[in-house]
Amino acid sequence: MVGQNISSVHQSASVQGTVDIDAVRGLLAAFRADVDRHATDLQNATVLRAMADTVDTSLAAPGAPQAVTLRGIAQALPALVVGTAVQQGGEALANAIGLLLG
């Protein structure tokens, strides 16, 4: 369990062990909802939405997910969400993608 205190709101997220594509899709859906809910407060909402769309497209591709694309998103996402209202969901999604790719 990890936590972050941002503007007096405690956030926590947990991703442990291994994950499957369905788990990543669940985190992706939650992340998209958070981005939509906080879009007016996010400087990079458009970029975050585009990243979410790319993850979704990659997960839906036949065969194995597009590892290079997903790995790049997993590496970039935490820096884009740090200190924002979507930090928890973004970090959880990035961690889940990393675990999925092994």
PDB file of N, CA and C in Angstrom:
ATOM      1  N   MET A   1       0.856  -1.169   0.000  1.00  0.00           N
ATOM      2  CA  MET A   1       0.000   0.000   0.000  1.00  0.00           C
ATOM      3  C   MET A   1       0.901   1.231   0.000  1.00  0.00           C
ATOM      4  N   VAL A   2       0.636   2.129  -0.914  1.00  0.00           N
ATOM      5  CA  VAL A   2       1.379   3.383  -0.952  1.00  0.00           C
ATOM      6  C   VAL A   2       0.383   4.511  -0.784  1.00  0.00           C
ATOM      7  N   GLY A   3       0.823   5.624  -0.255  1.00  0.00           N
ATOM      8  CA  GLY A   3      -0.081   6.746  -0.056  1.00  0.00           C
ATOM      9  C   GLY A   3       0.593   8.064  -0.320  1.00  0.00           C
ATOM     10  N   GLN A   4      -0.206   9.065  -0.580  1.00  0.00           N
ATOM     11  CA  GLN A   4       0.297  10.406  -0.859  1.00  0.00           C
ATOM     12  C   GLN A   4      -0.705  11.391  -0.289  1.00  0.00           C
ATOM     13  N   ASN A   5      -0.251  12.397   0.420  1.00  0.00           N
ATOM     14  CA  ASN A   5      -1.132  13.427   0.949  1.00  0.00           C
ATOM     15  C   ASN A   5      -1.050  14.627   0.035  1.00  0.00           C
ATOM     16  N   ILE A   6      -2.115  14.882  -0.709  1.00  0.00           N
ATOM     17  CA  ILE A   6      -2.177  15.996  -1.649  1.00  0.00           C
ATOM     18  C   ILE A   6      -3.353  16.866  -1.257  1.00  0.00           C
ATOM     19  N   SER A   7      -3.094  18.112  -0.906  1.00  0.00           N
ATOM     20  CA  SER A   7      -4.156  19.048  -0.555  1.00  0.00           C
ATOM     21  C   SER A   7      -5.091  18.477   0.517  1.00  0.00           C
ATOM     22  N   SER A   8      -4.515  17.889   1.529  1.00  0.00           N
ATOM     23  CA  SER A   8      -5.260  17.338   2.662  1.00  0.00           C
ATOM     24  C   SER A   8      -6.175  16.182   2.290  1.00  0.00           C
ATOM     25  N   VAL A   9      -5.950  15.560   1.147  1.00  0.00           N
ATOM     26  CA  VAL A   9      -6.712  14.381   0.744  1.00  0.00           C
ATOM     27  C   VAL A   9      -5.743  13.230   0.659  1.00  0.00           C
ATOM     28  N   HIS A  10      -5.996  12.183   1.428  1.00  0.00           N
ATOM     29  CA  HIS A  10      -5.103  11.025   1.403  1.00  0.00           C
ATOM     30  C   HIS A  10      -5.528  10.088   0.292  1.00  0.00           C
ATOM     31  N   GLN A  11      -4.556   9.723  -0.533  1.00  0.00           N
ATOM     32  CA  GLN A  11      -4.806   8.790  -1.619  1.00  0.00           C
ATOM     33  C   GLN A  11      -3.963   7.561  -1.375  1.00  0.00           C
ATOM     34  N   SER A  12      -4.477   6.415  -1.767  1.00  0.00           N
ATOM     35  CA  SER A  12      -3.679   5.204  -1.685  1.00  0.00           C
ATOM     36  C   SER A  12      -4.050   4.281  -2.828  1.00  0.00           C
ATOM     37  N   ALA A  13      -3.077   3.485  -3.229  1.00  0.00           N
ATOM     38  CA  ALA A  13      -3.306   2.519  -4.305  1.00  0.00           C
ATOM     39  C   ALA A  13      -2.458   1.306  -4.026  1.00  0.00           C
ATOM     40  N   SER A  14      -2.936   0.187  -4.474  1.00  0.00           N
ATOM     41  CA  SER A  14      -2.194  -1.037  -4.272  1.00  0.00           C
ATOM     42  C   SER A  14      -2.270  -1.909  -5.509  1.00  0.00           C
ATOM     43  N   VAL A  15      -1.118  -2.297  -6.008  1.00  0.00           N
ATOM     44  CA  VAL A  15      -1.031  -3.267  -7.089  1.00  0.00           C
ATOM     45  C   VAL A  15       0.107  -4.182  -6.705  1.00  0.00           C
ATOM     46  N   GLN A  16      -0.199  -5.436  -6.447  1.00  0.00           N
ATOM     47  CA  GLN A  16       0.829  -6.366  -6.003  1.00  0.00           C
ATOM     48  C   GLN A  16       0.771  -7.630  -6.833  1.00  0.00           C
ATOM     49  N   GLY A  17       1.892  -8.326  -6.897  1.00  0.00           N
ATOM     50  CA  GLY A  17       1.927  -9.615  -7.583  1.00  0.00           C
ATOM     51  C   GLY A  17       1.829  -9.468  -9.084  1.00  0.00           C
ATOM     52  N   THR A  18       1.020 -10.325  -9.680  1.00  0.00           N
ATOM     53  CA  THR A  18       0.843 -10.280 -11.120  1.00  0.00           C
ATOM     54  C   THR A  18      -0.553  -9.776 -11.437  1.00  0.00           C
ATOM     55  N   VAL A  19      -0.705  -9.227 -12.610  1.00  0.00           N
ATOM     56  CA  VAL A  19      -2.011  -8.741 -13.051  1.00  0.00           C
ATOM     57  C   VAL A  19      -2.299  -9.301 -14.438  1.00  0.00           C
ATOM     58  N   ASP A  20      -3.572  -9.332 -14.795  1.00  0.00           N
ATOM     59  CA  ASP A  20      -3.942  -9.752 -16.137  1.00  0.00           C
ATOM     60  C   ASP A  20      -4.525  -8.553 -16.879  1.00  0.00           C
ATOM     61  N   ILE A  21      -4.838  -8.767 -18.130  1.00  0.00           N
ATOM     62  CA  ILE A  21      -5.348  -7.669 -18.953  1.00  0.00           C
ATOM     63  C   ILE A  21      -6.645  -7.106 -18.386  1.00  0.00           C
ATOM     64  N   ASP A  22      -7.503  -7.946 -17.839  1.00  0.00           N
ATOM     65  CA  ASP A  22      -8.763  -7.458 -17.271  1.00  0.00           C
ATOM     66  C   ASP A  22      -8.524  -6.522 -16.090  1.00  0.00           C
ATOM     67  N   ALA A  23      -7.533  -6.835 -15.269  1.00  0.00           N
ATOM     68  CA  ALA A  23      -7.205  -5.959 -14.144  1.00  0.00           C
ATOM     69  C   ALA A  23      -6.705  -4.605 -14.647  1.00  0.00           C
ATOM     70  N   VAL A  24      -5.872  -4.633 -15.674  1.00  0.00           N
ATOM     71  CA  VAL A  24      -5.366  -3.378 -16.255  1.00  0.00           C
ATOM     72  C   VAL A  24      -6.528  -2.586 -16.852  1.00  0.00           C
ATOM     73  N   ARG A  25      -7.437  -3.260 -17.526  1.00  0.00           N
ATOM     74  CA  ARG A  25      -8.604  -2.572 -18.091  1.00  0.00           C
ATOM     75  C   ARG A  25      -9.455  -1.924 -17.003  1.00  0.00           C
ATOM     76  N   GLY A  26      -9.592  -2.599 -15.864  1.00  0.00           N
ATOM     77  CA  GLY A  26     -10.339  -2.016 -14.749  1.00  0.00           C
ATOM     78  C   GLY A  26      -9.679  -0.754 -14.227  1.00  0.00           C
ATOM     79  N   LEU A  27      -8.358  -0.805 -14.072  1.00  0.00           N
ATOM     80  CA  LEU A  27      -7.628   0.385 -13.627  1.00  0.00           C
ATOM     81  C   LEU A  27      -7.688   1.489 -14.676  1.00  0.00           C
ATOM     82  N   LEU A  28      -7.646   1.102 -15.945  1.00  0.00           N
ATOM     83  CA  LEU A  28      -7.742   2.068 -17.033  1.00  0.00           C
ATOM     84  C   LEU A  28      -9.093   2.786 -17.004  1.00  0.00           C
ATOM     85  N   ALA A  29     -10.164   2.044 -16.795  1.00  0.00           N
ATOM     86  CA  ALA A  29     -11.497   2.646 -16.719  1.00  0.00           C
ATOM     87  C   ALA A  29     -11.595   3.626 -15.552  1.00  0.00           C
ATOM     88  N   ALA A  30     -11.041   3.236 -14.409  1.00  0.00           N
ATOM     89  CA  ALA A  30     -11.059   4.123 -13.238  1.00  0.00           C
ATOM     90  C   ALA A  30     -10.227   5.370 -13.487  1.00  0.00           C
ATOM     91  N   PHE A  31      -9.064   5.197 -14.145  1.00  0.00           N
ATOM     92  CA  PHE A  31      -8.198   6.332 -14.450  1.00  0.00           C
ATOM     93  C   PHE A  31      -8.903   7.301 -15.407  1.00  0.00           C
ATOM     94  N   ARG A  32      -9.529   6.766 -16.431  1.00  0.00           N
ATOM     95  CA  ARG A  32     -10.266   7.630 -17.377  1.00  0.00           C
ATOM     96  C   ARG A  32     -11.355   8.422 -16.661  1.00  0.00           C
ATOM     97  N   ALA A  33     -12.072   7.763 -15.774  1.00  0.00           N
ATOM     98  CA  ALA A  33     -13.129   8.451 -15.025  1.00  0.00           C
ATOM     99  C   ALA A  33     -12.543   9.570 -14.173  1.00  0.00           C
ATOM    100  N   ASP A  34     -11.397   9.314 -13.537  1.00  0.00           N
ATOM    101  CA  ASP A  34     -10.733  10.353 -12.735  1.00  0.00           C
ATOM    102  C   ASP A  34     -10.290  11.517 -13.609  1.00  0.00           C
ATOM    103  N   VAL A  35      -9.722  11.221 -14.768  1.00  0.00           N
ATOM    104  CA  VAL A  35      -9.275  12.284 -15.675  1.00  0.00           C
ATOM    105  C   VAL A  35     -10.475  13.121 -16.115  1.00  0.00           C
ATOM    106  N   ASP A  36     -11.563  12.470 -16.471  1.00  0.00           N
ATOM    107  CA  ASP A  36     -12.765  13.204 -16.882  1.00  0.00           C
ATOM    108  C   ASP A  36     -13.317  14.055 -15.744  1.00  0.00           C
ATOM    109  N   ARG A  37     -13.321  13.498 -14.555  1.00  0.00           N
ATOM    110  CA  ARG A  37     -13.855  14.211 -13.389  1.00  0.00           C
ATOM    111  C   ARG A  37     -13.015  15.435 -13.032  1.00  0.00           C
ATOM    112  N   HIS A  38     -11.711  15.356 -13.244  1.00  0.00           N
ATOM    113  CA  HIS A  38     -10.807  16.442 -12.842  1.00  0.00           C
ATOM    114  C   HIS A  38     -10.200  17.187 -14.033  1.00  0.00           C
ATOM    115  N   ALA A  39     -10.783  17.034 -15.203  1.00  0.00           N
ATOM    116  CA  ALA A  39     -10.201  17.597 -16.430  1.00  0.00           C
ATOM    117  C   ALA A  39      -9.943  19.096 -16.343  1.00  0.00           C
ATOM    118  N   THR A  40     -10.827  19.836 -15.706  1.00  0.00           N
ATOM    119  CA  THR A  40     -10.645  21.288 -15.643  1.00  0.00           C
ATOM    120  C   THR A  40      -9.448  21.680 -14.786  1.00  0.00           C
ATOM    121  N   ASP A  41      -9.027  20.797 -13.886  1.00  0.00           N
ATOM    122  CA  ASP A  41      -7.895  21.089 -13.009  1.00  0.00           C
ATOM    123  C   ASP A  41      -6.577  20.503 -13.516  1.00  0.00           C
ATOM    124  N   LEU A  42      -6.619  19.751 -14.604  1.00  0.00           N
ATOM    125  CA  LEU A  42      -5.416  19.091 -15.122  1.00  0.00           C
ATOM    126  C   LEU A  42      -4.864  19.861 -16.315  1.00  0.00           C
ATOM    127  N   GLN A  43      -3.584  20.192 -16.242  1.00  0.00           N
ATOM    128  CA  GLN A  43      -2.945  20.902 -17.347  1.00  0.00           C
ATOM    129  C   GLN A  43      -2.792  20.003 -18.568  1.00  0.00           C
ATOM    130  N   ASN A  44      -2.675  18.720 -18.351  1.00  0.00           N
ATOM    131  CA  ASN A  44      -2.387  17.797 -19.448  1.00  0.00           C
ATOM    132  C   ASN A  44      -3.487  16.751 -19.625  1.00  0.00           C
ATOM    133  N   ALA A  45      -4.732  17.148 -19.436  1.00  0.00           N
ATOM    134  CA  ALA A  45      -5.854  16.201 -19.564  1.00  0.00           C
ATOM    135  C   ALA A  45      -5.902  15.583 -20.956  1.00  0.00           C
ATOM    136  N   THR A  46      -5.623  16.357 -21.986  1.00  0.00           N
ATOM    137  CA  THR A  46      -5.658  15.839 -23.353  1.00  0.00           C
ATOM    138  C   THR A  46      -4.603  14.754 -23.542  1.00  0.00           C
ATOM    139  N   VAL A  47      -3.418  14.970 -23.010  1.00  0.00           N
ATOM    140  CA  VAL A  47      -2.335  13.990 -23.119  1.00  0.00           C
ATOM    141  C   VAL A  47      -2.699  12.724 -22.345  1.00  0.00           C
ATOM    142  N   LEU A  48      -3.254  12.889 -21.155  1.00  0.00           N
ATOM    143  CA  LEU A  48      -3.637  11.728 -20.352  1.00  0.00           C
ATOM    144  C   LEU A  48      -4.738  10.921 -21.037  1.00  0.00           C
ATOM    145  N   ARG A  49      -5.681  11.599 -21.656  1.00  0.00           N
ATOM    146  CA  ARG A  49      -6.731  10.887 -22.399  1.00  0.00           C
ATOM    147  C   ARG A  49      -6.135  10.124 -23.580  1.00  0.00           C
ATOM    148  N   ALA A  50      -5.203  10.761 -24.283  1.00  0.00           N
ATOM    149  CA  ALA A  50      -4.561  10.099 -25.431  1.00  0.00           C
ATOM    150  C   ALA A  50      -3.782   8.864 -24.978  1.00  0.00           C
ATOM    151  N   MET A  51      -3.107   8.976 -23.843  1.00  0.00           N
ATOM    152  CA  MET A  51      -2.371   7.825 -23.312  1.00  0.00           C
ATOM    153  C   MET A  51      -3.338   6.699 -22.956  1.00  0.00           C
ATOM    154  N   ALA A  52      -4.454   7.050 -22.337  1.00  0.00           N
ATOM    155  CA  ALA A  52      -5.453   6.039 -21.976  1.00  0.00           C
ATOM    156  C   ALA A  52      -6.003   5.365 -23.232  1.00  0.00           C
ATOM    157  N   ASP A  53      -6.250   6.146 -24.271  1.00  0.00           N
ATOM    158  CA  ASP A  53      -6.734   5.567 -25.528  1.00  0.00           C
ATOM    159  C   ASP A  53      -5.703   4.613 -26.120  1.00  0.00           C
ATOM    160  N   THR A  54      -4.430   4.984 -26.053  1.00  0.00           N
ATOM    161  CA  THR A  54      -3.361   4.139 -26.586  1.00  0.00           C
ATOM    162  C   THR A  54      -3.267   2.831 -25.811  1.00  0.00           C
ATOM    163  N   VAL A  55      -3.380   2.903 -24.493  1.00  0.00           N
ATOM    164  CA  VAL A  55      -3.356   1.685 -23.675  1.00  0.00           C
ATOM    165  C   VAL A  55      -4.535   0.799 -24.061  1.00  0.00           C
ATOM    166  N   ASP A  56      -5.706   1.390 -24.185  1.00  0.00           N
ATOM    167  CA  ASP A  56      -6.896   0.629 -24.540  1.00  0.00           C
ATOM    168  C   ASP A  56      -6.726  -0.054 -25.901  1.00  0.00           C
ATOM    169  N   THR A  57      -6.227   0.678 -26.879  1.00  0.00           N
ATOM    170  CA  THR A  57      -6.005   0.120 -28.214  1.00  0.00           C
ATOM    171  C   THR A  57      -5.001  -1.020 -28.169  1.00  0.00           C
ATOM    172  N   SER A  58      -3.939  -0.838 -27.417  1.00  0.00           N
ATOM    173  CA  SER A  58      -2.909  -1.873 -27.315  1.00  0.00           C
ATOM    174  C   SER A  58      -3.443  -3.127 -26.655  1.00  0.00           C
ATOM    175  N   LEU A  59      -4.241  -2.973 -25.612  1.00  0.00           N
ATOM    176  CA  LEU A  59      -4.802  -4.129 -24.915  1.00  0.00           C
ATOM    177  C   LEU A  59      -5.808  -4.876 -25.785  1.00  0.00           C
ATOM    178  N   ALA A  60      -6.465  -4.154 -26.689  1.00  0.00           N
ATOM    179  CA  ALA A  60      -7.468  -4.774 -27.556  1.00  0.00           C
ATOM    180  C   ALA A  60      -6.861  -5.410 -28.799  1.00  0.00           C
ATOM    181  N   ALA A  61      -5.588  -5.149 -29.060  1.00  0.00           N
ATOM    182  CA  ALA A  61      -4.938  -5.700 -30.254  1.00  0.00           C
ATOM    183  C   ALA A  61      -4.880  -7.219 -30.156  1.00  0.00           C
ATOM    184  N   PRO A  62      -5.041  -7.888 -31.300  1.00  0.00           N
ATOM    185  CA  PRO A  62      -4.945  -9.351 -31.279  1.00  0.00           C
ATOM    186  C   PRO A  62      -3.545  -9.796 -30.856  1.00  0.00           C
ATOM    187  N   GLY A  63      -3.500 -10.900 -30.149  1.00  0.00           N
ATOM    188  CA  GLY A  63      -2.206 -11.395 -29.667  1.00  0.00           C
ATOM    189  C   GLY A  63      -1.772 -10.653 -28.421  1.00  0.00           C
ATOM    190  N   ALA A  64      -0.486 -10.578 -28.223  1.00  0.00           N
ATOM    191  CA  ALA A  64       0.080  -9.926 -27.034  1.00  0.00           C
ATOM    192  C   ALA A  64      -0.041  -8.409 -27.143  1.00  0.00           C
ATOM    193  N   PRO A  65      -0.190  -7.728 -25.997  1.00  0.00           N
ATOM    194  CA  PRO A  65      -0.220  -6.266 -26.016  1.00  0.00           C
ATOM    195  C   PRO A  65       1.073  -5.709 -26.615  1.00  0.00           C
ATOM    196  N   GLN A  66       0.994  -4.524 -27.149  1.00  0.00           N
ATOM    197  CA  GLN A  66       2.149  -3.859 -27.755  1.00  0.00           C
ATOM    198  C   GLN A  66       3.092  -3.397 -26.659  1.00  0.00           C
ATOM    199  N   ALA A  67       4.076  -4.221 -26.351  1.00  0.00           N
ATOM    200  CA  ALA A  67       4.929  -4.025 -25.184  1.00  0.00           C
ATOM    201  C   ALA A  67       5.711  -2.723 -25.219  1.00  0.00           C
ATOM    202  N   VAL A  68       6.272  -2.366 -26.344  1.00  0.00           N
ATOM    203  CA  VAL A  68       7.094  -1.148 -26.409  1.00  0.00           C
ATOM    204  C   VAL A  68       6.250   0.081 -26.104  1.00  0.00           C
ATOM    205  N   THR A  69       5.084   0.141 -26.698  1.00  0.00           N
ATOM    206  CA  THR A  69       4.182   1.275 -26.474  1.00  0.00           C
ATOM    207  C   THR A  69       3.736   1.334 -25.023  1.00  0.00           C
ATOM    208  N   LEU A  70       3.313   0.207 -24.494  1.00  0.00           N
ATOM    209  CA  LEU A  70       2.841   0.174 -23.104  1.00  0.00           C
ATOM    210  C   LEU A  70       3.954   0.486 -22.118  1.00  0.00           C
ATOM    211  N   ARG A  71       5.148  -0.009 -22.381  1.00  0.00           N
ATOM    212  CA  ARG A  71       6.278   0.264 -21.491  1.00  0.00           C
ATOM    213  C   ARG A  71       6.582   1.766 -21.451  1.00  0.00           C
ATOM    214  N   GLY A  72       6.523   2.418 -22.602  1.00  0.00           N
ATOM    215  CA  GLY A  72       6.745   3.871 -22.656  1.00  0.00           C
ATOM    216  C   GLY A  72       5.711   4.636 -21.861  1.00  0.00           C
ATOM    217  N   ILE A  73       4.462   4.213 -21.970  1.00  0.00           N
ATOM    218  CA  ILE A  73       3.397   4.868 -21.203  1.00  0.00           C
ATOM    219  C   ILE A  73       3.585   4.628 -19.716  1.00  0.00           C
ATOM    220  N   ALA A  74       3.920   3.403 -19.338  1.00  0.00           N
ATOM    221  CA  ALA A  74       4.124   3.084 -17.919  1.00  0.00           C
ATOM    222  C   ALA A  74       5.260   3.913 -17.327  1.00  0.00           C
ATOM    223  N   GLN A  75       6.261   4.222 -18.125  1.00  0.00           N
ATOM    224  CA  GLN A  75       7.388   5.020 -17.642  1.00  0.00           C
ATOM    225  C   GLN A  75       7.044   6.507 -17.570  1.00  0.00           C
ATOM    226  N   ALA A  76       6.257   7.004 -18.530  1.00  0.00           N
ATOM    227  CA  ALA A  76       5.957   8.438 -18.590  1.00  0.00           C
ATOM    228  C   ALA A  76       4.800   8.856 -17.687  1.00  0.00           C
ATOM    229  N   LEU A  77       3.849   7.983 -17.493  1.00  0.00           N
ATOM    230  CA  LEU A  77       2.620   8.338 -16.779  1.00  0.00           C
ATOM    231  C   LEU A  77       2.846   8.870 -15.359  1.00  0.00           C
ATOM    232  N   PRO A  78       3.674   8.238 -14.531  1.00  0.00           N
ATOM    233  CA  PRO A  78       3.839   8.770 -13.170  1.00  0.00           C
ATOM    234  C   PRO A  78       4.318  10.222 -13.124  1.00  0.00           C
ATOM    235  N   ALA A  79       5.185  10.613 -14.029  1.00  0.00           N
ATOM    236  CA  ALA A  79       5.675  11.996 -14.048  1.00  0.00           C
ATOM    237  C   ALA A  79       4.572  12.972 -14.455  1.00  0.00           C
ATOM    238  N   LEU A  80       3.657  12.528 -15.295  1.00  0.00           N
ATOM    239  CA  LEU A  80       2.577  13.402 -15.749  1.00  0.00           C
ATOM    240  C   LEU A  80       1.481  13.595 -14.704  1.00  0.00           C
ATOM    241  N   VAL A  81       1.347  12.655 -13.786  1.00  0.00           N
ATOM    242  CA  VAL A  81       0.264  12.749 -12.804  1.00  0.00           C
ATOM    243  C   VAL A  81       0.728  13.185 -11.418  1.00  0.00           C
ATOM    244  N   VAL A  82       2.030  13.288 -11.209  1.00  0.00           N
ATOM    245  CA  VAL A  82       2.535  13.620  -9.878  1.00  0.00           C
ATOM    246  C   VAL A  82       1.942  14.958  -9.398  1.00  0.00           C
ATOM    247  N   GLY A  83       1.451  14.943  -8.188  1.00  0.00           N
ATOM    248  CA  GLY A  83       0.899  16.146  -7.575  1.00  0.00           C
ATOM    249  C   GLY A  83      -0.482  16.533  -8.081  1.00  0.00           C
ATOM    250  N   THR A  84      -1.131  15.654  -8.826  1.00  0.00           N
ATOM    251  CA  THR A  84      -2.470  15.964  -9.342  1.00  0.00           C
ATOM    252  C   THR A  84      -3.513  15.108  -8.650  1.00  0.00           C
ATOM    253  N   ALA A  85      -4.757  15.421  -8.932  1.00  0.00           N
ATOM    254  CA  ALA A  85      -5.861  14.659  -8.352  1.00  0.00           C
ATOM    255  C   ALA A  85      -5.953  13.254  -8.928  1.00  0.00           C
ATOM    256  N   VAL A  86      -5.259  12.990 -10.023  1.00  0.00           N
ATOM    257  CA  VAL A  86      -5.304  11.669 -10.647  1.00  0.00           C
ATOM    258  C   VAL A  86      -4.013  10.881 -10.413  1.00  0.00           C
ATOM    259  N   GLN A  87      -3.202  11.324  -9.475  1.00  0.00           N
ATOM    260  CA  GLN A  87      -1.930  10.664  -9.207  1.00  0.00           C
ATOM    261  C   GLN A  87      -2.122   9.208  -8.805  1.00  0.00           C
ATOM    262  N   GLN A  88      -3.027   8.948  -7.907  1.00  0.00           N
ATOM    263  CA  GLN A  88      -3.251   7.583  -7.418  1.00  0.00           C
ATOM    264  C   GLN A  88      -3.591   6.644  -8.564  1.00  0.00           C
ATOM    265  N   GLY A  89      -4.559   7.010  -9.364  1.00  0.00           N
ATOM    266  CA  GLY A  89      -4.980   6.158 -10.466  1.00  0.00           C
ATOM    267  C   GLY A  89      -3.917   6.009 -11.537  1.00  0.00           C
ATOM    268  N   GLY A  90      -3.207   7.095 -11.823  1.00  0.00           N
ATOM    269  CA  GLY A  90      -2.151   7.040 -12.825  1.00  0.00           C
ATOM    270  C   GLY A  90      -0.999   6.155 -12.410  1.00  0.00           C
ATOM    271  N   GLU A  91      -0.598   6.262 -11.165  1.00  0.00           N
ATOM    272  CA  GLU A  91       0.493   5.414 -10.677  1.00  0.00           C
ATOM    273  C   GLU A  91       0.069   3.945 -10.608  1.00  0.00           C
ATOM    274  N   ALA A  92      -1.169   3.699 -10.179  1.00  0.00           N
ATOM    275  CA  ALA A  92      -1.656   2.316 -10.123  1.00  0.00           C
ATOM    276  C   ALA A  92      -1.706   1.714 -11.525  1.00  0.00           C
ATOM    277  N   LEU A  93      -2.180   2.499 -12.508  1.00  0.00           N
ATOM    278  CA  LEU A  93      -2.216   2.016 -13.887  1.00  0.00           C
ATOM    279  C   LEU A  93      -0.817   1.740 -14.414  1.00  0.00           C
ATOM    280  N   ALA A  94       0.108   2.651 -14.164  1.00  0.00           N
ATOM    281  CA  ALA A  94       1.495   2.455 -14.620  1.00  0.00           C
ATOM    282  C   ALA A  94       2.114   1.204 -13.994  1.00  0.00           C
ATOM    283  N   ASN A  95       1.889   1.011 -12.709  1.00  0.00           N
ATOM    284  CA  ASN A  95       2.411  -0.178 -12.030  1.00  0.00           C
ATOM    285  C   ASN A  95       1.797  -1.460 -12.600  1.00  0.00           C
ATOM    286  N   ALA A  96       0.506  -1.433 -12.851  1.00  0.00           N
ATOM    287  CA  ALA A  96      -0.181  -2.604 -13.394  1.00  0.00           C
ATOM    288  C   ALA A  96       0.331  -2.941 -14.789  1.00  0.00           C
ATOM    289  N   ILE A  97       0.550  -1.926 -15.602  1.00  0.00           N
ATOM    290  CA  ILE A  97       1.105  -2.164 -16.948  1.00  0.00           C
ATOM    291  C   ILE A  97       2.476  -2.782 -16.832  1.00  0.00           C
ATOM    292  N   GLY A  98       3.303  -2.266 -15.925  1.00  0.00           N
ATOM    293  CA  GLY A  98       4.630  -2.833 -15.715  1.00  0.00           C
ATOM    294  C   GLY A  98       4.566  -4.288 -15.293  1.00  0.00           C
ATOM    295  N   LEU A  99       3.644  -4.613 -14.399  1.00  0.00           N
ATOM    296  CA  LEU A  99       3.493  -5.998 -13.956  1.00  0.00           C
ATOM    297  C   LEU A  99       2.968  -6.886 -15.086  1.00  0.00           C
ATOM    298  N   LEU A 100       2.069  -6.361 -15.890  1.00  0.00           N
ATOM    299  CA  LEU A 100       1.533  -7.130 -17.006  1.00  0.00           C
ATOM    300  C   LEU A 100       2.627  -7.504 -17.996  1.00  0.00           C
ATOM    301  N   LEU A 101       3.527  -6.559 -18.230  1.00  0.00           N
ATOM    302  CA  LEU A 101       4.611  -6.794 -19.193  1.00  0.00           C
ATOM    303  C   LEU A 101       5.730  -7.644 -18.617  1.00  0.00           C
ATOM    304  N   GLY A 102       5.749  -7.701 -17.277  1.00  0.00           N
ATOM    305  CA  GLY A 102       6.747  -8.537 -16.588  1.00  0.00           C
ATOM    306  C   GLY A 102       8.097  -8.037 -16.784  1.00  0.00           C
TER     307      GLY A 102
END
